[in-house]
Amino acid sequence: MSSEVLLSNIIPFAGSGLVGYAIGFALKKILRLMLIIVGFLAGMFFVGIQLLQKYGYVSAVNWDKLGNDTSTQIQHLATNADITNLHGLFHTIGLPVSGGLGLGLLAGFVRTR
């Protein structure tokens, strides 16, 4: 195997690995922040509902129906997610680039800090 062929595969792998690492690291930070914000908003929503019920603005909250409707909507969103084009994207950009990007994304996301 010539060094030119080897170099033409290593450079895209390493470059996409660095980009993948940066994307994975940023994704972890963004998801952590989003989880904190969504948790705070959900907590404030349920505290607000409880206060409305306590002061008589709402006579009763059907928590079972609220939970079932929320679960149904989340399942609907999860089943309608379209990830079929992802395979075509990785097939188009090639094995060295997609492999480096995938490994870099995983390494950046798993980073412990």
Protein backbone atom coordinates (compact mmCIF):
# COMPACT_ATOMS: atom_id res chain seq x y z
CA MET A 1 0.00 0.00 0.00
CA SER A 2 1.47 3.35 -0.93
CA SER A 3 1.87 6.17 1.53
CA GLU A 4 -0.25 8.46 -0.67
CA VAL A 5 -3.30 6.22 -0.33
CA LEU A 6 -2.73 5.87 3.40
CA LEU A 7 -2.36 9.64 3.86
CA SER A 8 -5.45 10.35 1.77
CA ASN A 9 -7.48 8.29 4.26
CA ILE A 10 -5.81 9.38 7.52
CA ILE A 11 -6.17 13.14 7.00
CA PRO A 12 -9.97 13.09 6.51
CA PHE A 13 -10.33 10.62 9.40
CA ALA A 14 -8.30 12.80 11.79
CA GLY A 15 -9.91 16.05 10.68
CA SER A 16 -13.43 14.73 10.97
CA GLY A 17 -12.50 13.17 14.32
CA LEU A 18 -11.55 16.59 15.67
CA VAL A 19 -14.76 18.12 14.32
CA GLY A 20 -16.76 15.24 15.81
CA TYR A 21 -15.08 15.74 19.18
CA ALA A 22 -16.01 19.43 19.19
CA ILE A 23 -19.60 18.63 18.19
CA GLY A 24 -19.92 15.93 20.86
CA PHE A 25 -18.50 18.18 23.58
CA ALA A 26 -20.82 21.06 22.63
CA LEU A 27 -23.80 18.71 22.34
CA LYS A 28 -23.21 17.41 25.86
CA LYS A 29 -23.05 20.94 27.29
CA ILE A 30 -26.16 22.06 25.39
CA LEU A 31 -28.17 18.97 26.39
CA ARG A 32 -27.21 19.43 30.04
CA LEU A 33 -28.37 23.05 29.97
CA MET A 34 -31.59 22.14 28.16
CA LEU A 35 -32.32 19.40 30.70
CA ILE A 36 -31.94 21.87 33.56
CA ILE A 37 -34.22 24.41 31.87
CA VAL A 38 -36.89 21.84 30.93
CA GLY A 39 -36.81 20.36 34.44
CA PHE A 40 -37.22 23.80 35.99
CA LEU A 41 -40.13 24.70 33.68
CA ALA A 42 -41.88 21.37 34.28
CA GLY A 43 -41.48 21.80 38.03
CA MET A 44 -42.89 25.32 37.90
CA PHE A 45 -45.83 24.07 35.79
CA PHE A 46 -46.77 21.41 38.32
CA VAL A 47 -46.28 23.78 41.27
CA GLY A 48 -48.55 26.28 39.51
CA ILE A 49 -51.22 23.63 38.93
CA GLN A 50 -51.06 22.62 42.58
CA LEU A 51 -51.40 26.25 43.70
CA LEU A 52 -54.40 26.77 41.41
CA GLN A 53 -56.00 23.68 42.89
CA LYS A 54 -55.19 24.74 46.48
CA TYR A 55 -56.76 28.19 46.12
CA GLY A 56 -59.87 26.87 44.38
CA TYR A 57 -59.31 28.08 40.81
CA VAL A 58 -59.28 24.48 39.61
CA SER A 59 -61.54 22.00 41.38
CA ALA A 60 -59.56 18.85 40.55
CA VAL A 61 -56.69 17.84 38.31
CA ASN A 62 -56.97 14.52 36.51
CA TRP A 63 -53.31 13.53 36.84
CA ASP A 64 -53.84 10.15 35.15
CA LYS A 65 -55.26 11.77 32.01
CA LEU A 66 -52.48 14.39 32.01
CA GLY A 67 -49.84 11.65 32.27
CA ASN A 68 -51.45 9.50 29.57
CA ASP A 69 -51.86 12.41 27.15
CA THR A 70 -48.27 13.52 27.70
CA SER A 71 -46.99 9.97 27.20
CA THR A 72 -49.05 9.60 24.01
CA GLN A 73 -47.67 12.83 22.55
CA ILE A 74 -44.07 11.88 23.36
CA GLN A 75 -44.53 8.44 21.77
CA HIS A 76 -46.07 10.07 18.69
CA LEU A 77 -43.08 12.40 18.32
CA ALA A 78 -40.61 9.53 18.83
CA THR A 79 -42.22 7.28 16.22
CA ASN A 80 -42.42 10.04 13.61
CA ALA A 81 -38.73 10.97 13.84
CA ASP A 82 -37.12 10.45 10.43
CA ILE A 83 -33.57 9.12 10.65
CA THR A 84 -33.56 7.24 7.34
CA ASN A 85 -31.59 9.98 5.61
CA LEU A 86 -28.74 9.62 8.11
CA HIS A 87 -27.60 6.38 6.46
CA GLY A 88 -27.47 8.12 3.08
CA LEU A 89 -25.44 10.97 4.54
CA PHE A 90 -22.77 8.67 6.01
CA HIS A 91 -22.70 6.63 2.81
CA THR A 92 -22.17 9.79 0.75
CA ILE A 93 -19.33 11.30 2.81
CA GLY A 94 -17.36 8.06 2.93
CA LEU A 95 -15.99 5.67 5.51
CA PRO A 96 -12.92 7.61 6.76
CA VAL A 97 -14.88 10.81 7.33
CA SER A 98 -17.96 9.19 8.87
CA GLY A 99 -15.83 6.88 11.03
CA GLY A 100 -13.71 9.73 12.33
CA LEU A 101 -16.78 11.89 12.91
CA GLY A 102 -18.58 9.12 14.78
CA LEU A 103 -15.62 8.26 17.00
CA GLY A 104 -14.87 11.92 17.67
CA LEU A 105 -18.52 12.62 18.53
CA LEU A 106 -18.56 9.70 20.94
CA ALA A 107 -15.27 10.76 22.56
CA GLY A 108 -16.44 14.37 22.93
CA PHE A 109 -19.80 13.34 24.37
CA VAL A 110 -18.31 10.87 26.86
CA ARG A 111 -15.67 13.34 28.06
CA THR A 112 -16.05 13.58 31.85
CA ARG A 113 -15.79 17.32 32.51
